[in-house]
Amino acid sequence: MGKISERKPAASCSGCFAWGQLPGRFCRGCYTYGQLHALGECVGCRRQVPVDDKHGYCRLCRAQASWAIKASGKASVIEP
């Protein structure tokens, strides 16, 4: 992944729906997550995206769970 052209129009990431000037179809975070995890069905959102082997969640569902856990003061992100 190289530098993103300033003239490139904004788009939505196919993995996490983040919005901005992306280097391709995915933001840098989702691109890296996809390199480290195999495609599968996410337990949370049921999309066919890269999921972690341990719990079966995609990057978007894990991030959402992390934010919810931090807001609630709990200590686990296993179940979003």
N, C-alpha and C. Protein backbone atom coordinates (compact mmCIF):
# COMPACT_ATOMS: atom_id res chain seq x y z
N MET A 1 0.84 -1.17 0.00
CA MET A 1 0.00 0.00 0.00
C MET A 1 0.88 1.23 0.00
N GLY A 2 0.72 2.01 -1.01
CA GLY A 2 1.51 3.21 -1.13
C GLY A 2 0.74 4.45 -0.70
N LYS A 3 1.23 5.59 -1.15
CA LYS A 3 0.60 6.86 -0.83
C LYS A 3 -0.71 7.00 -1.62
N ILE A 4 -1.70 7.60 -0.99
CA ILE A 4 -3.00 7.81 -1.63
C ILE A 4 -3.00 9.16 -2.32
N SER A 5 -3.41 9.19 -3.57
CA SER A 5 -3.46 10.43 -4.34
C SER A 5 -4.46 11.40 -3.71
N GLU A 6 -4.10 12.66 -3.69
CA GLU A 6 -4.99 13.69 -3.14
C GLU A 6 -6.24 13.87 -4.00
N ARG A 7 -6.18 13.48 -5.25
CA ARG A 7 -7.31 13.63 -6.17
C ARG A 7 -8.28 12.46 -6.11
N LYS A 8 -7.93 11.41 -5.39
CA LYS A 8 -8.79 10.23 -5.32
C LYS A 8 -10.06 10.59 -4.54
N PRO A 9 -11.23 10.23 -5.06
CA PRO A 9 -12.48 10.55 -4.36
C PRO A 9 -12.67 9.68 -3.12
N ALA A 10 -13.44 10.17 -2.19
CA ALA A 10 -13.73 9.43 -0.97
C ALA A 10 -14.60 8.22 -1.30
N ALA A 11 -14.43 7.17 -0.51
CA ALA A 11 -15.21 5.94 -0.70
C ALA A 11 -15.40 5.27 0.65
N SER A 12 -16.22 4.23 0.68
CA SER A 12 -16.50 3.48 1.90
C SER A 12 -15.72 2.17 1.88
N CYS A 13 -15.10 1.82 3.00
CA CYS A 13 -14.35 0.58 3.14
C CYS A 13 -15.32 -0.60 3.06
N SER A 14 -14.98 -1.62 2.31
CA SER A 14 -15.83 -2.81 2.17
C SER A 14 -15.86 -3.65 3.44
N GLY A 15 -14.86 -3.48 4.31
CA GLY A 15 -14.79 -4.28 5.53
C GLY A 15 -15.48 -3.65 6.73
N CYS A 16 -15.19 -2.38 6.99
CA CYS A 16 -15.71 -1.74 8.21
C CYS A 16 -16.61 -0.54 7.93
N PHE A 17 -16.81 -0.23 6.66
CA PHE A 17 -17.66 0.89 6.24
C PHE A 17 -17.12 2.26 6.62
N ALA A 18 -15.81 2.34 6.97
CA ALA A 18 -15.19 3.64 7.24
C ALA A 18 -15.21 4.45 5.94
N TRP A 19 -15.22 5.75 6.06
CA TRP A 19 -15.36 6.61 4.91
C TRP A 19 -14.13 7.50 4.79
N GLY A 20 -13.61 7.63 3.58
CA GLY A 20 -12.48 8.51 3.36
C GLY A 20 -11.74 8.14 2.09
N GLN A 21 -10.56 8.70 1.91
CA GLN A 21 -9.73 8.37 0.76
C GLN A 21 -8.99 7.08 1.07
N LEU A 22 -9.40 6.01 0.44
CA LEU A 22 -8.85 4.70 0.72
C LEU A 22 -7.84 4.29 -0.34
N PRO A 23 -6.86 3.47 0.04
CA PRO A 23 -5.87 3.01 -0.93
C PRO A 23 -6.44 2.00 -1.92
N GLY A 24 -7.54 1.36 -1.61
CA GLY A 24 -8.18 0.37 -2.47
C GLY A 24 -9.62 0.19 -2.02
N ARG A 25 -10.11 -1.05 -2.01
CA ARG A 25 -11.47 -1.32 -1.54
C ARG A 25 -11.57 -1.29 -0.02
N PHE A 26 -10.42 -1.44 0.67
CA PHE A 26 -10.39 -1.54 2.13
C PHE A 26 -9.53 -0.43 2.73
N CYS A 27 -9.86 -0.05 3.96
CA CYS A 27 -8.99 0.86 4.71
C CYS A 27 -7.74 0.08 5.10
N ARG A 28 -6.73 0.74 5.58
CA ARG A 28 -5.47 0.07 5.93
C ARG A 28 -5.68 -0.97 7.04
N GLY A 29 -6.52 -0.66 8.01
CA GLY A 29 -6.79 -1.60 9.10
C GLY A 29 -7.44 -2.88 8.62
N CYS A 30 -8.44 -2.77 7.76
CA CYS A 30 -9.13 -3.96 7.23
C CYS A 30 -8.24 -4.73 6.27
N TYR A 31 -7.40 -4.02 5.53
CA TYR A 31 -6.47 -4.69 4.63
C TYR A 31 -5.52 -5.57 5.44
N THR A 32 -4.96 -5.03 6.50
CA THR A 32 -4.05 -5.79 7.36
C THR A 32 -4.77 -6.94 8.03
N TYR A 33 -5.97 -6.71 8.54
CA TYR A 33 -6.77 -7.76 9.18
C TYR A 33 -7.04 -8.89 8.19
N GLY A 34 -7.30 -8.54 6.96
CA GLY A 34 -7.56 -9.53 5.92
C GLY A 34 -6.33 -10.36 5.57
N GLN A 35 -5.16 -9.77 5.73
CA GLN A 35 -3.92 -10.50 5.48
C GLN A 35 -3.64 -11.52 6.58
N LEU A 36 -4.13 -11.24 7.79
CA LEU A 36 -3.85 -12.09 8.95
C LEU A 36 -4.94 -13.12 9.24
N HIS A 37 -6.13 -12.96 8.67
CA HIS A 37 -7.25 -13.84 8.97
C HIS A 37 -7.91 -14.37 7.69
N ALA A 38 -8.45 -15.57 7.77
CA ALA A 38 -9.10 -16.21 6.62
C ALA A 38 -10.54 -15.71 6.47
N LEU A 39 -11.05 -15.79 5.24
CA LEU A 39 -12.45 -15.43 4.99
C LEU A 39 -13.36 -16.45 5.65
N GLY A 40 -14.48 -15.96 6.15
CA GLY A 40 -15.48 -16.82 6.76
C GLY A 40 -16.71 -16.00 7.08
N GLU A 41 -17.71 -16.64 7.66
CA GLU A 41 -18.93 -15.93 8.05
C GLU A 41 -18.77 -15.42 9.47
N CYS A 42 -18.94 -14.12 9.64
CA CYS A 42 -18.83 -13.51 10.97
C CYS A 42 -20.00 -13.97 11.84
N VAL A 43 -19.70 -14.32 13.07
CA VAL A 43 -20.71 -14.77 14.02
C VAL A 43 -21.67 -13.63 14.37
N GLY A 44 -21.17 -12.39 14.35
CA GLY A 44 -21.99 -11.25 14.72
C GLY A 44 -22.87 -10.71 13.62
N CYS A 45 -22.28 -10.40 12.47
CA CYS A 45 -23.04 -9.74 11.40
C CYS A 45 -23.38 -10.65 10.23
N ARG A 46 -22.85 -11.85 10.22
CA ARG A 46 -23.13 -12.87 9.19
C ARG A 46 -22.62 -12.52 7.80
N ARG A 47 -21.72 -11.52 7.70
CA ARG A 47 -21.12 -11.19 6.40
C ARG A 47 -19.97 -12.14 6.11
N GLN A 48 -19.65 -12.33 4.84
CA GLN A 48 -18.50 -13.13 4.42
C GLN A 48 -17.30 -12.20 4.33
N VAL A 49 -16.52 -12.15 5.40
CA VAL A 49 -15.36 -11.27 5.52
C VAL A 49 -14.28 -12.01 6.31
N PRO A 50 -13.05 -11.47 6.38
CA PRO A 50 -12.04 -12.11 7.23
C PRO A 50 -12.49 -12.12 8.69
N VAL A 51 -12.39 -13.28 9.34
CA VAL A 51 -12.79 -13.42 10.75
C VAL A 51 -11.64 -14.03 11.55
N ASP A 52 -11.59 -13.72 12.84
CA ASP A 52 -10.54 -14.30 13.68
C ASP A 52 -10.85 -15.77 13.97
N ASP A 53 -9.82 -16.55 14.15
CA ASP A 53 -9.97 -17.99 14.37
C ASP A 53 -10.52 -18.32 15.75
N LYS A 54 -10.23 -17.49 16.72
CA LYS A 54 -10.59 -17.80 18.11
C LYS A 54 -12.08 -17.64 18.38
N HIS A 55 -12.66 -16.50 17.97
CA HIS A 55 -14.06 -16.22 18.29
C HIS A 55 -14.98 -16.16 17.08
N GLY A 56 -14.43 -15.97 15.87
CA GLY A 56 -15.23 -15.95 14.67
C GLY A 56 -15.86 -14.62 14.30
N TYR A 57 -15.32 -13.52 14.85
CA TYR A 57 -15.87 -12.19 14.57
C TYR A 57 -14.99 -11.44 13.58
N CYS A 58 -15.62 -10.57 12.79
CA CYS A 58 -14.88 -9.72 11.86
C CYS A 58 -14.31 -8.51 12.61
N ARG A 59 -13.50 -7.73 11.91
CA ARG A 59 -12.88 -6.55 12.51
C ARG A 59 -13.93 -5.53 12.97
N LEU A 60 -14.96 -5.32 12.17
CA LEU A 60 -16.01 -4.37 12.51
C LEU A 60 -16.74 -4.78 13.79
N CYS A 61 -17.14 -6.04 13.90
CA CYS A 61 -17.86 -6.51 15.10
C CYS A 61 -16.96 -6.47 16.34
N ARG A 62 -15.68 -6.80 16.18
CA ARG A 62 -14.75 -6.75 17.31
C ARG A 62 -14.57 -5.30 17.78
N ALA A 63 -14.44 -4.38 16.83
CA ALA A 63 -14.29 -2.97 17.19
C ALA A 63 -15.54 -2.45 17.89
N GLN A 64 -16.71 -2.79 17.36
CA GLN A 64 -17.96 -2.35 17.97
C GLN A 64 -18.09 -2.89 19.39
N ALA A 65 -17.73 -4.16 19.58
CA ALA A 65 -17.78 -4.77 20.91
C ALA A 65 -16.81 -4.08 21.86
N SER A 66 -15.62 -3.76 21.37
CA SER A 66 -14.63 -3.08 22.21
C SER A 66 -15.14 -1.73 22.68
N TRP A 67 -15.75 -0.98 21.76
CA TRP A 67 -16.29 0.34 22.14
C TRP A 67 -17.42 0.19 23.15
N ALA A 68 -18.29 -0.79 22.96
CA ALA A 68 -19.42 -1.01 23.88
C ALA A 68 -18.92 -1.44 25.25
N ILE A 69 -17.92 -2.31 25.28
CA ILE A 69 -17.36 -2.78 26.55
C ILE A 69 -16.71 -1.63 27.30
N LYS A 70 -15.94 -0.81 26.60
CA LYS A 70 -15.29 0.34 27.25
C LYS A 70 -16.32 1.30 27.81
N ALA A 71 -17.41 1.52 27.08
CA ALA A 71 -18.46 2.43 27.54
C ALA A 71 -19.21 1.87 28.74
N SER A 72 -19.36 0.55 28.81
CA SER A 72 -20.12 -0.06 29.91
C SER A 72 -19.26 -0.38 31.13
N GLY A 73 -17.94 -0.40 30.96
CA GLY A 73 -17.05 -0.69 32.08
C GLY A 73 -16.82 -2.18 32.31
N LYS A 74 -17.29 -3.04 31.41
CA LYS A 74 -17.06 -4.48 31.54
C LYS A 74 -15.63 -4.82 31.15
N ALA A 75 -15.24 -6.08 31.32
CA ALA A 75 -13.85 -6.46 31.06
C ALA A 75 -13.68 -7.44 29.91
N SER A 76 -14.71 -7.79 29.15
CA SER A 76 -14.58 -8.81 28.11
C SER A 76 -15.18 -8.33 26.79
N VAL A 77 -14.55 -8.72 25.69
CA VAL A 77 -15.08 -8.38 24.37
C VAL A 77 -15.44 -9.64 23.59
N ILE A 78 -15.62 -10.75 24.28
CA ILE A 78 -15.91 -12.01 23.60
C ILE A 78 -17.27 -11.99 22.92
N GLU A 79 -18.28 -11.40 23.52
CA GLU A 79 -19.61 -11.37 22.93
C GLU A 79 -20.05 -9.93 22.64
N PRO A 80 -20.07 -9.53 21.36
CA PRO A 80 -20.49 -8.15 21.05
C PRO A 80 -21.98 -7.95 21.24
